[in-house]
């Protein structure tokens, strides 16, 4: 899906699975984060793909403990009923201290089937 397919939306219009994931991720609540994914979901972060709930759980636990950071939602976009992007600014004690990231969500049956996190 190309970036031109996405249109800005009010963040309040992000689907429940996306907002629940973002809220749980910010709270570093692994169980609540996992509840938003399909059993066969995949997450790509830092160029590595984690497939299935067990791999996603390991990624969440590792990512949540490596650094201390805050996240700020800076934009929300929708292409269609299954594709959304939530842009975030992360600030913390990781190398560089500030990062602007796109969280690209693909939904299936109200849950997150795929999440790609990239600059």
C-alpha atoms as a PDB file:
ATOM      1  CA  UNK A   1       0.000   0.000   0.000  1.00  0.00           C
ATOM      2  CA  UNK A   2       1.447   3.362  -0.976  1.00  0.00           C
ATOM      3  CA  UNK A   3       1.622   6.365   1.324  1.00  0.00           C
ATOM      4  CA  UNK A   4      -0.597   8.317  -1.103  1.00  0.00           C
ATOM      5  CA  UNK A   5      -3.493   6.004  -0.174  1.00  0.00           C
ATOM      6  CA  UNK A   6      -3.513   7.328   3.400  1.00  0.00           C
ATOM      7  CA  UNK A   7      -5.529  10.360   4.467  1.00  0.00           C
ATOM      8  CA  UNK A   8      -5.214  12.211   7.790  1.00  0.00           C
ATOM      9  CA  UNK A   9      -7.909  11.449  10.345  1.00  0.00           C
ATOM     10  CA  UNK A  10      -8.689  12.559  13.865  1.00  0.00           C
ATOM     11  CA  UNK A  11      -6.868  10.221  16.270  1.00  0.00           C
ATOM     12  CA  UNK A  12     -10.225   9.543  17.939  1.00  0.00           C
ATOM     13  CA  UNK A  13     -11.214   7.690  14.755  1.00  0.00           C
ATOM     14  CA  UNK A  14      -8.458   5.076  15.048  1.00  0.00           C
ATOM     15  CA  UNK A  15      -9.993   1.599  15.491  1.00  0.00           C
ATOM     16  CA  UNK A  16     -10.354   0.135  18.981  1.00  0.00           C
ATOM     17  CA  UNK A  17      -7.596  -2.455  18.416  1.00  0.00           C
ATOM     18  CA  UNK A  18      -5.130   0.272  17.440  1.00  0.00           C
ATOM     19  CA  UNK A  19      -5.938   2.562  20.357  1.00  0.00           C
ATOM     20  CA  UNK A  20      -5.913  -0.384  22.789  1.00  0.00           C
ATOM     21  CA  UNK A  21      -2.498  -1.463  21.481  1.00  0.00           C
ATOM     22  CA  UNK A  22      -1.072   2.066  21.677  1.00  0.00           C
ATOM     23  CA  UNK A  23      -2.408   2.539  25.212  1.00  0.00           C
ATOM     24  CA  UNK A  24      -1.035  -0.834  26.360  1.00  0.00           C
ATOM     25  CA  UNK A  25       2.297  -0.251  24.616  1.00  0.00           C
ATOM     26  CA  UNK A  26       2.722   3.100  26.345  1.00  0.00           C
ATOM     27  CA  UNK A  27       1.882   1.486  29.697  1.00  0.00           C
ATOM     28  CA  UNK A  28       4.261  -1.394  28.841  1.00  0.00           C
ATOM     29  CA  UNK A  29       1.410  -3.818  29.517  1.00  0.00           C
ATOM     30  CA  UNK A  30       2.454  -6.881  27.516  1.00  0.00           C
ATOM     31  CA  UNK A  31      -0.708  -8.920  28.183  1.00  0.00           C
ATOM     32  CA  UNK A  32      -2.983  -6.089  27.075  1.00  0.00           C
ATOM     33  CA  UNK A  33      -0.808  -5.469  23.996  1.00  0.00           C
ATOM     34  CA  UNK A  34      -0.927  -9.148  23.000  1.00  0.00           C
ATOM     35  CA  UNK A  35      -4.728  -9.185  23.323  1.00  0.00           C
ATOM     36  CA  UNK A  36      -4.960  -6.784  20.355  1.00  0.00           C
ATOM     37  CA  UNK A  37      -3.216  -9.153  17.881  1.00  0.00           C
ATOM     38  CA  UNK A  38      -4.545 -12.061  15.809  1.00  0.00           C
ATOM     39  CA  UNK A  39      -2.931 -15.419  16.746  1.00  0.00           C
ATOM     40  CA  UNK A  40      -0.939 -15.404  13.492  1.00  0.00           C
ATOM     41  CA  UNK A  41       0.059 -11.733  13.638  1.00  0.00           C
ATOM     42  CA  UNK A  42       3.455 -10.387  12.654  1.00  0.00           C
ATOM     43  CA  UNK A  43       5.365  -7.339  13.863  1.00  0.00           C
ATOM     44  CA  UNK A  44       8.296  -5.784  12.031  1.00  0.00           C
ATOM     45  CA  UNK A  45      10.502  -3.468  14.075  1.00  0.00           C
ATOM     46  CA  UNK A  46      14.082  -2.384  13.415  1.00  0.00           C
ATOM     47  CA  UNK A  47      14.033  -4.493  10.235  1.00  0.00           C
ATOM     48  CA  UNK A  48      13.230  -7.768  12.040  1.00  0.00           C
ATOM     49  CA  UNK A  49       9.911  -9.561  11.750  1.00  0.00           C
ATOM     50  CA  UNK A  50       8.418 -11.380  14.739  1.00  0.00           C
ATOM     51  CA  UNK A  51       5.722 -13.880  13.698  1.00  0.00           C
ATOM     52  CA  UNK A  52       3.122 -15.330  16.064  1.00  0.00           C
ATOM     53  CA  UNK A  53       2.079 -14.412  19.591  1.00  0.00           C
ATOM     54  CA  UNK A  54       5.083 -16.042  21.308  1.00  0.00           C
ATOM     55  CA  UNK A  55       7.578 -14.126  19.161  1.00  0.00           C
ATOM     56  CA  UNK A  56       5.613 -10.886  19.575  1.00  0.00           C
ATOM     57  CA  UNK A  57       5.548 -11.388  23.351  1.00  0.00           C
ATOM     58  CA  UNK A  58       9.358 -11.786  23.401  1.00  0.00           C
ATOM     59  CA  UNK A  59       9.725  -8.660  21.272  1.00  0.00           C
ATOM     60  CA  UNK A  60       7.389  -6.655  23.529  1.00  0.00           C
ATOM     61  CA  UNK A  61       9.181  -7.745  26.697  1.00  0.00           C
ATOM     62  CA  UNK A  62      12.620  -6.976  25.241  1.00  0.00           C
ATOM     63  CA  UNK A  63      11.593  -3.661  23.631  1.00  0.00           C
ATOM     64  CA  UNK A  64       9.863  -2.499  26.796  1.00  0.00           C
ATOM     65  CA  UNK A  65      12.848  -3.141  29.042  1.00  0.00           C
ATOM     66  CA  UNK A  66      15.758  -1.877  26.935  1.00  0.00           C
ATOM     67  CA  UNK A  67      15.169   1.851  27.316  1.00  0.00           C
ATOM     68  CA  UNK A  68      13.061   4.375  29.145  1.00  0.00           C
ATOM     69  CA  UNK A  69      11.026   6.567  26.824  1.00  0.00           C
ATOM     70  CA  UNK A  70       7.821   8.466  26.342  1.00  0.00           C
ATOM     71  CA  UNK A  71       5.651   8.393  23.225  1.00  0.00           C
ATOM     72  CA  UNK A  72       3.517  11.151  21.791  1.00  0.00           C
ATOM     73  CA  UNK A  73       0.958  10.525  19.056  1.00  0.00           C
ATOM     74  CA  UNK A  74       1.701  13.091  16.325  1.00  0.00           C
ATOM     75  CA  UNK A  75      -0.638  11.987  13.536  1.00  0.00           C
ATOM     76  CA  UNK A  76      -3.232   9.444  12.469  1.00  0.00           C
ATOM     77  CA  UNK A  77      -4.018   8.245   8.939  1.00  0.00           C
ATOM     78  CA  UNK A  78      -6.451   5.842   7.282  1.00  0.00           C
ATOM     79  CA  UNK A  79      -6.315   4.197   3.871  1.00  0.00           C
ATOM     80  CA  UNK A  80      -9.325   1.887   4.239  1.00  0.00           C
ATOM     81  CA  UNK A  81     -11.060  -0.196   6.915  1.00  0.00           C
ATOM     82  CA  UNK A  82      -7.985  -2.417   7.341  1.00  0.00           C
ATOM     83  CA  UNK A  83      -5.022  -0.032   7.018  1.00  0.00           C
ATOM     84  CA  UNK A  84      -4.083   2.713   9.468  1.00  0.00           C
ATOM     85  CA  UNK A  85      -0.933   4.602  10.442  1.00  0.00           C
ATOM     86  CA  UNK A  86      -0.247   6.202  13.818  1.00  0.00           C
ATOM     87  CA  UNK A  87       2.804   8.467  13.858  1.00  0.00           C
ATOM     88  CA  UNK A  88       4.681   8.836  17.116  1.00  0.00           C
ATOM     89  CA  UNK A  89       7.559  10.803  18.553  1.00  0.00           C
ATOM     90  CA  UNK A  90       9.616   8.805  21.030  1.00  0.00           C
ATOM     91  CA  UNK A  91      11.902  10.580  23.481  1.00  0.00           C
ATOM     92  CA  UNK A  92      14.116   8.720  25.883  1.00  0.00           C
ATOM     93  CA  UNK A  93      17.487   7.314  26.822  1.00  0.00           C
ATOM     94  CA  UNK A  94      18.028   5.319  23.602  1.00  0.00           C
ATOM     95  CA  UNK A  95      20.763   6.275  21.097  1.00  0.00           C
ATOM     96  CA  UNK A  96      19.824   9.619  19.560  1.00  0.00           C
ATOM     97  CA  UNK A  97      17.216  10.354  22.243  1.00  0.00           C
ATOM     98  CA  UNK A  98      14.416  11.286  19.801  1.00  0.00           C
ATOM     99  CA  UNK A  99      12.801   9.260  17.014  1.00  0.00           C
ATOM    100  CA  UNK A 100       9.784   9.874  14.805  1.00  0.00           C
ATOM    101  CA  UNK A 101       8.218   6.549  13.853  1.00  0.00           C
ATOM    102  CA  UNK A 102       5.315   5.340  11.737  1.00  0.00           C
ATOM    103  CA  UNK A 103       3.274   2.519  13.270  1.00  0.00           C
ATOM    104  CA  UNK A 104       1.600   0.894  10.239  1.00  0.00           C
ATOM    105  CA  UNK A 105      -1.335  -1.327  11.191  1.00  0.00           C
ATOM    106  CA  UNK A 106      -3.162  -3.923   9.127  1.00  0.00           C
ATOM    107  CA  UNK A 107      -6.366  -5.175  10.758  1.00  0.00           C
ATOM    108  CA  UNK A 108      -8.362  -8.369  10.321  1.00  0.00           C
ATOM    109  CA  UNK A 109     -11.654  -9.067  12.090  1.00  0.00           C
ATOM    110  CA  UNK A 110     -11.077  -6.199  14.527  1.00  0.00           C
ATOM    111  CA  UNK A 111      -7.572  -7.288  15.596  1.00  0.00           C
ATOM    112  CA  UNK A 112      -4.069  -6.373  14.492  1.00  0.00           C
ATOM    113  CA  UNK A 113      -2.825  -8.785  11.846  1.00  0.00           C
ATOM    114  CA  UNK A 114       0.364  -6.880  11.056  1.00  0.00           C
ATOM    115  CA  UNK A 115       2.289  -4.004  12.582  1.00  0.00           C
ATOM    116  CA  UNK A 116       5.285  -2.417  10.896  1.00  0.00           C
ATOM    117  CA  UNK A 117       7.249   0.158  12.881  1.00  0.00           C
ATOM    118  CA  UNK A 118       9.631   2.234  10.812  1.00  0.00           C
ATOM    119  CA  UNK A 119      11.131   5.730  10.553  1.00  0.00           C
END
